[in-house]
Amino acid sequence: MILDRFRLDDRVALVTGASAGLGRAIAVALAGAGAHVACHGNTRAPGATCEAVERAGRQSFAVTGDLADRATPRALVEETVKHFGRLDILVNNAGTIRRAPAVDYTEEDWDVVIEVNLSSVFLLSQLAGRHMLERAGEGTGGGKIVNVASLLSFQGGITVPAYAASKGGVAQLTKALANEWAGRGINVNAIAPGYMRTDNTAALQTDETRNRQILERIPAARWGEPEDLAGAAVFLSSAASDYVNGHVLVVDGGWLGR
């Protein structure tokens, strides 16, 4: 049955930035499909997300750490593997955004955004990839890595130079890792959300003019909700996407097609 290929029964997933917004929606969706989930929180504890995972009948595990710290990726992967015994799915969702005109953009803001949005994605993927490759070599299965990119993987945006650079990098990193690992049992893909109703877009939502301009451009005529990513996340984490490699799946209400 085709729907069986979307099941994630007893798979183990690590979702970064799972305390709220897109990460929480993805973590709950994976649990609903049958996965046990390690829920990461950066500045906010992911307790509520862990409770939602457990209400779905799956096991949860809370992990915390600042992804601007180079030591955090290793700790997250090691703690997840130690707790569950393995890692089958990595969702690199955590991200940050800092807005300012390019001529005023500070080095500190640039460094933090690139570190959290791009460098940590590489380090987490590298560490998880090593574990998955070892398991694939032992005949116990490979794994799935799902990165959260953005419309700004394709467009430049305004007053977000570091964010645009980082998300462009995420899309290219996704393809680079897929090229190396597709033949070794690991699928690496990405989701590019459109304008989603989250804390990161609060400033745009409350700006009457910008909010109107955004809605006029979206064929679906609404902001996306975090739950709109659920289907894409489950698909790219499941056997249903076994022949999908290096793809950036856009979930944007039609924005890029306009």
C-alpha atoms as a PDB file:
ATOM      1  CA  MET A   1       0.000   0.000   0.000  1.00  0.00           C
ATOM      2  CA  ILE A   2       1.394   3.389  -0.987  1.00  0.00           C
ATOM      3  CA  LEU A   3       0.450   5.021   2.309  1.00  0.00           C
ATOM      4  CA  ASP A   4       2.653   2.517   4.126  1.00  0.00           C
ATOM      5  CA  ARG A   5       5.680   4.100   2.456  1.00  0.00           C
ATOM      6  CA  PHE A   6       4.941   7.329   4.304  1.00  0.00           C
ATOM      7  CA  ARG A   7       5.042   5.600   7.713  1.00  0.00           C
ATOM      8  CA  LEU A   8       7.960   6.336  10.040  1.00  0.00           C
ATOM      9  CA  ASP A   9       7.232   3.673  12.641  1.00  0.00           C
ATOM     10  CA  ASP A  10       9.977   3.534  15.280  1.00  0.00           C
ATOM     11  CA  ARG A  11      12.364   5.726  13.279  1.00  0.00           C
ATOM     12  CA  VAL A  12      14.347   8.209  15.370  1.00  0.00           C
ATOM     13  CA  ALA A  13      14.360  11.867  14.345  1.00  0.00           C
ATOM     14  CA  LEU A  14      16.231  14.917  15.597  1.00  0.00           C
ATOM     15  CA  VAL A  15      14.486  18.216  14.833  1.00  0.00           C
ATOM     16  CA  THR A  16      16.356  21.425  15.580  1.00  0.00           C
ATOM     17  CA  GLY A  17      14.486  24.568  16.548  1.00  0.00           C
ATOM     18  CA  ALA A  18      11.526  22.472  17.650  1.00  0.00           C
ATOM     19  CA  SER A  19      10.304  24.646  20.516  1.00  0.00           C
ATOM     20  CA  ALA A  20       7.784  26.524  18.367  1.00  0.00           C
ATOM     21  CA  GLY A  21       6.773  27.455  14.840  1.00  0.00           C
ATOM     22  CA  LEU A  22       7.926  25.348  11.904  1.00  0.00           C
ATOM     23  CA  GLY A  23      10.104  23.052  14.010  1.00  0.00           C
ATOM     24  CA  ARG A  24       7.322  22.184  16.389  1.00  0.00           C
ATOM     25  CA  ALA A  25       4.913  21.463  13.528  1.00  0.00           C
ATOM     26  CA  ILE A  26       7.494  19.218  11.849  1.00  0.00           C
ATOM     27  CA  ALA A  27       8.307  17.337  15.060  1.00  0.00           C
ATOM     28  CA  VAL A  28       4.626  16.665  15.761  1.00  0.00           C
ATOM     29  CA  ALA A  29       4.047  15.583  12.152  1.00  0.00           C
ATOM     30  CA  LEU A  30       6.920  13.087  12.285  1.00  0.00           C
ATOM     31  CA  ALA A  31       5.551  11.701  15.544  1.00  0.00           C
ATOM     32  CA  GLY A  32       2.114  11.391  13.959  1.00  0.00           C
ATOM     33  CA  ALA A  33       3.714   9.280  11.226  1.00  0.00           C
ATOM     34  CA  GLY A  34       5.290   7.022  13.855  1.00  0.00           C
ATOM     35  CA  ALA A  35       8.728   8.479  14.664  1.00  0.00           C
ATOM     36  CA  HIS A  36      10.308   9.015  18.055  1.00  0.00           C
ATOM     37  CA  VAL A  37      11.616  12.584  18.209  1.00  0.00           C
ATOM     38  CA  ALA A  38      14.491  14.378  19.890  1.00  0.00           C
ATOM     39  CA  CYS A  39      13.259  17.972  20.117  1.00  0.00           C
ATOM     40  CA  HIS A  40      15.909  20.686  20.208  1.00  0.00           C
ATOM     41  CA  GLY A  41      15.454  24.109  21.719  1.00  0.00           C
ATOM     42  CA  ASN A  42      17.920  26.949  21.347  1.00  0.00           C
ATOM     43  CA  THR A  43      16.762  29.664  23.753  1.00  0.00           C
ATOM     44  CA  ARG A  44      13.398  28.093  24.608  1.00  0.00           C
ATOM     45  CA  ALA A  45      12.956  24.688  26.201  1.00  0.00           C
ATOM     46  CA  PRO A  46      11.064  22.304  23.881  1.00  0.00           C
ATOM     47  CA  GLY A  47       8.891  20.869  26.656  1.00  0.00           C
ATOM     48  CA  ALA A  48       5.563  21.620  24.999  1.00  0.00           C
ATOM     49  CA  THR A  49       6.703  19.977  21.772  1.00  0.00           C
ATOM     50  CA  CYS A  50       7.883  16.895  23.659  1.00  0.00           C
ATOM     51  CA  GLU A  51       4.466  16.658  25.300  1.00  0.00           C
ATOM     52  CA  ALA A  52       2.781  16.859  21.879  1.00  0.00           C
ATOM     53  CA  VAL A  53       5.039  14.085  20.566  1.00  0.00           C
ATOM     54  CA  GLU A  54       4.111  11.903  23.514  1.00  0.00           C
ATOM     55  CA  ARG A  55       0.408  12.599  23.020  1.00  0.00           C
ATOM     56  CA  ALA A  56       0.897  11.151  19.537  1.00  0.00           C
ATOM     57  CA  GLY A  57       2.039   7.934  21.236  1.00  0.00           C
ATOM     58  CA  ARG A  58       5.759   8.268  20.502  1.00  0.00           C
ATOM     59  CA  GLN A  59       8.826   8.790  22.662  1.00  0.00           C
ATOM     60  CA  SER A  60      10.342  12.249  22.999  1.00  0.00           C
ATOM     61  CA  PHE A  61      13.673  13.566  24.224  1.00  0.00           C
ATOM     62  CA  ALA A  62      14.494  17.202  24.942  1.00  0.00           C
ATOM     63  CA  VAL A  63      17.898  18.558  23.919  1.00  0.00           C
ATOM     64  CA  THR A  64      19.043  22.142  24.209  1.00  0.00           C
ATOM     65  CA  GLY A  65      21.968  24.218  23.043  1.00  0.00           C
ATOM     66  CA  ASP A  66      22.928  27.397  21.237  1.00  0.00           C
ATOM     67  CA  LEU A  67      23.729  26.579  17.616  1.00  0.00           C
ATOM     68  CA  ALA A  68      25.940  29.665  17.448  1.00  0.00           C
ATOM     69  CA  ASP A  69      28.316  27.574  19.595  1.00  0.00           C
ATOM     70  CA  ARG A  70      30.396  25.151  17.501  1.00  0.00           C
ATOM     71  CA  ALA A  71      30.230  22.528  20.285  1.00  0.00           C
ATOM     72  CA  THR A  72      26.430  22.251  20.169  1.00  0.00           C
ATOM     73  CA  PRO A  73      25.948  20.176  16.985  1.00  0.00           C
ATOM     74  CA  ARG A  74      28.147  17.364  18.279  1.00  0.00           C
ATOM     75  CA  ALA A  75      26.368  17.380  21.628  1.00  0.00           C
ATOM     76  CA  LEU A  76      22.926  17.187  19.987  1.00  0.00           C
ATOM     77  CA  VAL A  77      23.801  14.225  17.777  1.00  0.00           C
ATOM     78  CA  GLU A  78      25.675  12.351  20.499  1.00  0.00           C
ATOM     79  CA  GLU A  79      22.915  12.860  23.081  1.00  0.00           C
ATOM     80  CA  THR A  80      20.230  11.715  20.641  1.00  0.00           C
ATOM     81  CA  VAL A  81      22.146   8.582  19.637  1.00  0.00           C
ATOM     82  CA  LYS A  82      22.952   7.803  23.269  1.00  0.00           C
ATOM     83  CA  HIS A  83      19.301   8.141  24.297  1.00  0.00           C
ATOM     84  CA  PHE A  84      17.636   6.289  21.406  1.00  0.00           C
ATOM     85  CA  GLY A  85      20.500   4.104  20.204  1.00  0.00           C
ATOM     86  CA  ARG A  86      20.466   5.495  16.677  1.00  0.00           C
ATOM     87  CA  LEU A  87      19.468   8.417  14.453  1.00  0.00           C
ATOM     88  CA  ASP A  88      17.468   7.879  11.253  1.00  0.00           C
ATOM     89  CA  ILE A  89      16.199  11.363  10.396  1.00  0.00           C
ATOM     90  CA  LEU A  90      17.774  14.789  10.860  1.00  0.00           C
ATOM     91  CA  VAL A  91      15.700  17.913  10.256  1.00  0.00           C
ATOM     92  CA  ASN A  92      17.843  21.057  10.223  1.00  0.00           C
ATOM     93  CA  ASN A  93      15.147  23.605  10.956  1.00  0.00           C
ATOM     94  CA  ALA A  94      16.690  26.002  13.498  1.00  0.00           C
ATOM     95  CA  GLY A  95      17.437  29.438  12.157  1.00  0.00           C
ATOM     96  CA  THR A  96      17.680  33.096  13.019  1.00  0.00           C
ATOM     97  CA  ILE A  97      17.215  36.369  11.159  1.00  0.00           C
ATOM     98  CA  ARG A  98      18.587  39.854  11.769  1.00  0.00           C
ATOM     99  CA  ARG A  99      17.393  42.773   9.685  1.00  0.00           C
ATOM    100  CA  ALA A 100      19.304  45.910   8.692  1.00  0.00           C
ATOM    101  CA  PRO A 101      20.288  47.707   5.476  1.00  0.00           C
ATOM    102  CA  ALA A 102      23.409  46.156   3.976  1.00  0.00           C
ATOM    103  CA  VAL A 103      25.473  49.314   4.501  1.00  0.00           C
ATOM    104  CA  ASP A 104      24.697  49.192   8.230  1.00  0.00           C
ATOM    105  CA  TYR A 105      24.845  45.417   8.745  1.00  0.00           C
ATOM    106  CA  THR A 106      27.221  44.565  11.569  1.00  0.00           C
ATOM    107  CA  GLU A 107      29.884  41.867  11.486  1.00  0.00           C
ATOM    108  CA  GLU A 108      28.395  40.383  14.644  1.00  0.00           C
ATOM    109  CA  ASP A 109      24.966  39.979  13.042  1.00  0.00           C
ATOM    110  CA  TRP A 110      26.539  38.479   9.924  1.00  0.00           C
ATOM    111  CA  ASP A 111      28.574  35.971  11.941  1.00  0.00           C
ATOM    112  CA  VAL A 112      25.663  34.832  14.113  1.00  0.00           C
ATOM    113  CA  VAL A 113      23.250  34.345  11.219  1.00  0.00           C
ATOM    114  CA  ILE A 114      25.772  32.436   9.097  1.00  0.00           C
ATOM    115  CA  GLU A 115      26.819  30.267  12.043  1.00  0.00           C
ATOM    116  CA  VAL A 116      23.285  29.285  13.072  1.00  0.00           C
ATOM    117  CA  ASN A 117      21.690  29.054   9.626  1.00  0.00           C
ATOM    118  CA  LEU A 118      24.504  27.512   7.597  1.00  0.00           C
ATOM    119  CA  SER A 119      27.541  26.336   9.551  1.00  0.00           C
ATOM    120  CA  SER A 120      25.480  24.414  12.101  1.00  0.00           C
ATOM    121  CA  VAL A 121      23.531  22.777   9.265  1.00  0.00           C
ATOM    122  CA  PHE A 122      26.781  21.495   7.770  1.00  0.00           C
ATOM    123  CA  LEU A 123      28.148  20.305  11.121  1.00  0.00           C
ATOM    124  CA  LEU A 124      24.920  18.542  12.128  1.00  0.00           C
ATOM    125  CA  SER A 125      24.646  16.938   8.687  1.00  0.00           C
ATOM    126  CA  GLN A 126      28.269  15.837   8.785  1.00  0.00           C
ATOM    127  CA  LEU A 127      27.913  14.267  12.224  1.00  0.00           C
ATOM    128  CA  ALA A 128      24.567  12.636  11.505  1.00  0.00           C
ATOM    129  CA  GLY A 129      25.840  11.564   8.092  1.00  0.00           C
ATOM    130  CA  ARG A 130      28.777   9.721   9.609  1.00  0.00           C
ATOM    131  CA  HIS A 131      26.435   7.814  11.896  1.00  0.00           C
ATOM    132  CA  MET A 132      24.029   7.016   9.064  1.00  0.00           C
ATOM    133  CA  LEU A 133      26.830   5.914   6.738  1.00  0.00           C
ATOM    134  CA  GLU A 134      28.167   3.560   9.391  1.00  0.00           C
ATOM    135  CA  ARG A 135      24.726   2.033   9.844  1.00  0.00           C
ATOM    136  CA  ALA A 136      24.256   1.741   6.088  1.00  0.00           C
ATOM    137  CA  GLY A 137      27.594  -0.028   5.845  1.00  0.00           C
ATOM    138  CA  GLU A 138      26.438  -2.477   8.506  1.00  0.00           C
ATOM    139  CA  GLY A 139      23.277  -3.179   6.529  1.00  0.00           C
ATOM    140  CA  THR A 140      21.013  -1.551   9.107  1.00  0.00           C
ATOM    141  CA  GLY A 141      19.704   1.253   6.892  1.00  0.00           C
ATOM    142  CA  GLY A 142      20.867   4.709   5.911  1.00  0.00           C
ATOM    143  CA  GLY A 143      18.955   7.834   6.747  1.00  0.00           C
ATOM    144  CA  LYS A 144      17.186  11.026   5.757  1.00  0.00           C
ATOM    145  CA  ILE A 145      18.420  14.601   6.132  1.00  0.00           C
ATOM    146  CA  VAL A 146      15.911  17.392   5.560  1.00  0.00           C
ATOM    147  CA  ASN A 147      17.150  20.973   5.580  1.00  0.00           C
ATOM    148  CA  VAL A 148      14.859  23.966   5.895  1.00  0.00           C
ATOM    149  CA  ALA A 149      15.815  26.449   3.188  1.00  0.00           C
ATOM    150  CA  SER A 150      13.696  29.477   2.178  1.00  0.00           C
ATOM    151  CA  LEU A 151      12.325  31.495  -0.703  1.00  0.00           C
ATOM    152  CA  LEU A 152      15.505  33.481  -0.147  1.00  0.00           C
ATOM    153  CA  SER A 153      17.434  30.475  -1.389  1.00  0.00           C
ATOM    154  CA  PHE A 154      16.186  31.774  -4.766  1.00  0.00           C
ATOM    155  CA  GLN A 155      15.623  35.496  -4.150  1.00  0.00           C
ATOM    156  CA  GLY A 156      17.699  38.195  -2.490  1.00  0.00           C
ATOM    157  CA  GLY A 157      15.192  39.761  -0.156  1.00  0.00           C
ATOM    158  CA  ILE A 158      15.507  43.217   1.383  1.00  0.00           C
ATOM    159  CA  THR A 159      17.606  44.159   4.448  1.00  0.00           C
ATOM    160  CA  VAL A 160      18.450  40.497   5.181  1.00  0.00           C
ATOM    161  CA  PRO A 161      21.830  39.966   3.464  1.00  0.00           C
ATOM    162  CA  ALA A 162      23.118  37.339   5.905  1.00  0.00           C
ATOM    163  CA  TYR A 163      19.843  35.422   5.912  1.00  0.00           C
ATOM    164  CA  ALA A 164      19.703  35.354   2.108  1.00  0.00           C
ATOM    165  CA  ALA A 165      23.338  34.251   1.914  1.00  0.00           C
ATOM    166  CA  SER A 166      22.802  31.516   4.502  1.00  0.00           C
ATOM    167  CA  LYS A 167      19.677  30.125   2.862  1.00  0.00           C
ATOM    168  CA  GLY A 168      21.291  30.181  -0.568  1.00  0.00           C
ATOM    169  CA  GLY A 169      24.078  28.187   1.040  1.00  0.00           C
ATOM    170  CA  VAL A 170      21.630  25.699   2.558  1.00  0.00           C
ATOM    171  CA  ALA A 171      20.187  24.942  -0.884  1.00  0.00           C
ATOM    172  CA  GLN A 172      23.643  24.376  -2.388  1.00  0.00           C
ATOM    173  CA  LEU A 173      24.829  22.351   0.613  1.00  0.00           C
ATOM    174  CA  THR A 174      21.769  20.141   0.213  1.00  0.00           C
ATOM    175  CA  LYS A 175      22.768  19.365  -3.368  1.00  0.00           C
ATOM    176  CA  ALA A 176      26.444  18.873  -2.510  1.00  0.00           C
ATOM    177  CA  LEU A 177      25.709  16.353   0.257  1.00  0.00           C
ATOM    178  CA  ALA A 178      23.163  14.536  -1.902  1.00  0.00           C
ATOM    179  CA  ASN A 179      25.773  14.144  -4.634  1.00  0.00           C
ATOM    180  CA  GLU A 180      28.087  12.385  -2.194  1.00  0.00           C
ATOM    181  CA  TRP A 181      25.612  10.330  -0.195  1.00  0.00           C
ATOM    182  CA  ALA A 182      22.702   9.430  -2.501  1.00  0.00           C
ATOM    183  CA  GLY A 183      24.397   6.228  -3.599  1.00  0.00           C
ATOM    184  CA  ARG A 184      25.209   5.286  -0.022  1.00  0.00           C
ATOM    185  CA  GLY A 185      21.723   5.125   1.439  1.00  0.00           C
ATOM    186  CA  ILE A 186      21.218   8.707   2.604  1.00  0.00           C
ATOM    187  CA  ASN A 187      18.683  11.073   1.067  1.00  0.00           C
ATOM    188  CA  VAL A 188      19.480  14.763   1.518  1.00  0.00           C
ATOM    189  CA  ASN A 189      16.745  17.205   0.508  1.00  0.00           C
ATOM    190  CA  ALA A 190      15.336  20.539   1.611  1.00  0.00           C
ATOM    191  CA  ILE A 191      12.048  22.338   2.113  1.00  0.00           C
ATOM    192  CA  ALA A 192      11.821  26.006   1.116  1.00  0.00           C
ATOM    193  CA  PRO A 193       8.926  27.591   3.006  1.00  0.00           C
ATOM    194  CA  GLY A 194       7.274  30.705   1.709  1.00  0.00           C
ATOM    195  CA  TYR A 195       5.898  33.443   3.926  1.00  0.00           C
ATOM    196  CA  MET A 196       4.934  31.539   7.072  1.00  0.00           C
ATOM    197  CA  ARG A 197       3.145  32.873  10.119  1.00  0.00           C
ATOM    198  CA  THR A 198       5.950  32.537  12.695  1.00  0.00           C
ATOM    199  CA  ASP A 199       7.903  34.721  15.112  1.00  0.00           C
ATOM    200  CA  ASN A 200      10.568  35.325  12.436  1.00  0.00           C
ATOM    201  CA  THR A 201       8.027  37.107  10.239  1.00  0.00           C
ATOM    202  CA  ALA A 202       6.244  39.018  13.022  1.00  0.00           C
ATOM    203  CA  ALA A 203       7.668  42.348  11.829  1.00  0.00           C
ATOM    204  CA  LEU A 204       6.307  41.770   8.318  1.00  0.00           C
ATOM    205  CA  GLN A 205       2.911  40.650   9.545  1.00  0.00           C
ATOM    206  CA  THR A 206       2.442  43.793  11.645  1.00  0.00           C
ATOM    207  CA  ASP A 207       3.620  46.136   8.872  1.00  0.00           C
ATOM    208  CA  GLU A 208       0.305  46.995   7.190  1.00  0.00           C
ATOM    209  CA  THR A 209       1.819  47.954   3.836  1.00  0.00           C
ATOM    210  CA  ARG A 210       4.281  45.050   3.619  1.00  0.00           C
ATOM    211  CA  ASN A 211       1.660  42.559   4.784  1.00  0.00           C
ATOM    212  CA  ARG A 212      -0.725  43.726   2.040  1.00  0.00           C
ATOM    213  CA  GLN A 213       2.008  43.522  -0.610  1.00  0.00           C
ATOM    214  CA  ILE A 214       2.908  39.983   0.422  1.00  0.00           C
ATOM    215  CA  LEU A 215      -0.684  38.756   0.372  1.00  0.00           C
ATOM    216  CA  GLU A 216      -1.277  40.322  -3.039  1.00  0.00           C
ATOM    217  CA  ARG A 217       1.680  38.331  -4.427  1.00  0.00           C
ATOM    218  CA  ILE A 218       0.670  34.920  -3.000  1.00  0.00           C
ATOM    219  CA  PRO A 219      -1.795  33.039  -5.274  1.00  0.00           C
ATOM    220  CA  ALA A 220      -3.149  31.157  -2.257  1.00  0.00           C
ATOM    221  CA  ALA A 221      -4.003  34.604  -0.778  1.00  0.00           C
ATOM    222  CA  ARG A 222      -2.878  33.766   2.750  1.00  0.00           C
ATOM    223  CA  TRP A 223       0.189  33.385   4.913  1.00  0.00           C
ATOM    224  CA  GLY A 224       1.378  29.831   5.359  1.00  0.00           C
ATOM    225  CA  GLU A 225       0.849  28.111   8.687  1.00  0.00           C
ATOM    226  CA  PRO A 226       3.543  25.892  10.267  1.00  0.00           C
ATOM    227  CA  GLU A 227       1.315  22.860   9.726  1.00  0.00           C
ATOM    228  CA  ASP A 228       1.496  23.476   5.966  1.00  0.00           C
ATOM    229  CA  LEU A 229       4.994  21.959   6.068  1.00  0.00           C
ATOM    230  CA  ALA A 230       3.850  18.717   7.706  1.00  0.00           C
ATOM    231  CA  GLY A 231       3.211  16.763   4.513  1.00  0.00           C
ATOM    232  CA  ALA A 232       6.484  17.790   2.890  1.00  0.00           C
ATOM    233  CA  ALA A 233       8.451  16.931   6.016  1.00  0.00           C
ATOM    234  CA  VAL A 234       6.916  13.467   6.348  1.00  0.00           C
ATOM    235  CA  PHE A 235       7.374  12.781   2.630  1.00  0.00           C
ATOM    236  CA  LEU A 236      11.074  13.709   2.613  1.00  0.00           C
ATOM    237  CA  SER A 237      11.658  11.738   5.829  1.00  0.00           C
ATOM    238  CA  SER A 238       9.977   8.578   4.589  1.00  0.00           C
ATOM    239  CA  ALA A 239      10.554   5.742   2.131  1.00  0.00           C
ATOM    240  CA  ALA A 240       8.142   7.504  -0.230  1.00  0.00           C
ATOM    241  CA  SER A 241      11.024   9.823  -1.189  1.00  0.00           C
ATOM    242  CA  ASP A 242      13.736   7.177  -1.589  1.00  0.00           C
ATOM    243  CA  TYR A 243      14.484   8.309  -5.166  1.00  0.00           C
ATOM    244  CA  VAL A 244      14.406  12.028  -4.359  1.00  0.00           C
ATOM    245  CA  ASN A 245      17.893  13.455  -3.896  1.00  0.00           C
ATOM    246  CA  GLY A 246      19.214  17.006  -3.703  1.00  0.00           C
ATOM    247  CA  HIS A 247      15.774  18.527  -4.232  1.00  0.00           C
ATOM    248  CA  VAL A 248      14.537  21.807  -2.752  1.00  0.00           C
ATOM    249  CA  LEU A 249      10.775  21.418  -2.324  1.00  0.00           C
ATOM    250  CA  VAL A 250       9.058  24.819  -2.313  1.00  0.00           C
ATOM    251  CA  VAL A 251       6.003  25.207  -0.067  1.00  0.00           C
ATOM    252  CA  ASP A 252       4.979  28.801  -0.691  1.00  0.00           C
ATOM    253  CA  GLY A 253       1.329  29.072  -1.707  1.00  0.00           C
ATOM    254  CA  GLY A 254       2.481  29.720  -5.275  1.00  0.00           C
ATOM    255  CA  TRP A 255       4.737  32.732  -4.584  1.00  0.00           C
ATOM    256  CA  LEU A 256       7.616  31.709  -6.860  1.00  0.00           C
ATOM    257  CA  GLY A 257       5.270  30.846  -9.706  1.00  0.00           C
ATOM    258  CA  ARG A 258       3.711  34.306  -9.725  1.00  0.00           C
END
